[in-house]
Protein backbone atom coordinates (compact mmCIF):
# COMPACT_ATOMS: atom_id res chain seq x y z
CA MET A 1 94.35 109.03 94.26
CA TYR A 2 91.86 109.78 97.04
CA THR A 3 93.02 106.76 99.04
CA SER A 4 96.72 107.02 98.10
CA GLN A 5 96.73 103.37 97.04
CA SER A 6 98.26 101.77 93.98
CA SER A 7 95.94 100.62 91.20
CA PRO A 8 96.23 96.89 92.08
CA LYS A 9 95.50 97.59 95.77
CA LEU A 10 92.58 99.87 94.91
CA LEU A 11 91.10 97.21 92.66
CA GLU A 12 91.49 94.61 95.42
CA GLN A 13 89.68 96.90 97.87
CA LEU A 14 86.95 97.71 95.36
CA ASN A 15 86.31 94.03 94.64
CA GLY A 16 86.12 93.07 98.30
CA ASP A 17 84.64 96.06 100.12
CA ILE A 18 81.00 97.05 99.64
CA HIS A 19 81.75 100.45 101.18
CA TYR A 20 84.24 101.26 98.42
CA GLN A 21 81.69 100.14 95.86
CA LEU A 22 78.99 102.37 97.33
CA PHE A 23 81.38 105.33 97.51
CA CYS A 24 82.35 104.85 93.86
CA GLY A 25 78.77 104.23 92.73
CA VAL A 26 79.44 100.74 91.35
CA ARG A 27 78.28 97.25 92.24
CA ILE A 28 80.66 94.39 91.48
CA ASP A 29 79.36 90.83 91.39
CA PRO A 30 81.56 88.71 93.68
CA MET A 31 81.41 85.92 91.12
CA TYR A 32 82.92 88.24 88.47
CA PRO A 33 85.44 90.55 90.16
CA LEU A 34 87.36 93.15 88.20
CA THR A 35 90.84 91.94 87.33
CA ASP A 36 92.40 94.49 84.94
CA TYR A 37 94.05 97.11 87.16
CA LYS A 38 95.66 98.68 84.08
CA LEU A 39 92.20 100.05 83.23
CA TRP A 40 92.33 102.09 86.46
CA THR A 41 95.78 103.42 85.62
CA THR A 42 94.52 104.56 82.22
CA CYS A 43 91.50 106.25 83.79
CA PHE A 44 93.61 108.05 86.38
CA GLN A 45 95.88 109.44 83.68
CA ASN A 46 92.89 111.23 82.17
CA PHE A 47 92.25 113.26 85.36
CA PRO A 48 94.07 116.56 85.70
CA ALA A 49 96.60 116.77 88.52
CA ASP A 50 96.00 119.25 91.35
């Protein structure tokens, strides 16, 4: 929601951009990128809307 990107696009950015990873506090191994964008959608639904 912070970047106004869809879940698939956010996952693509997170897998390929170390700056996104540092901002989010995660480290993703390039050999094992995240692939399930539906997980992000589920997580976002648990945050209250402003």
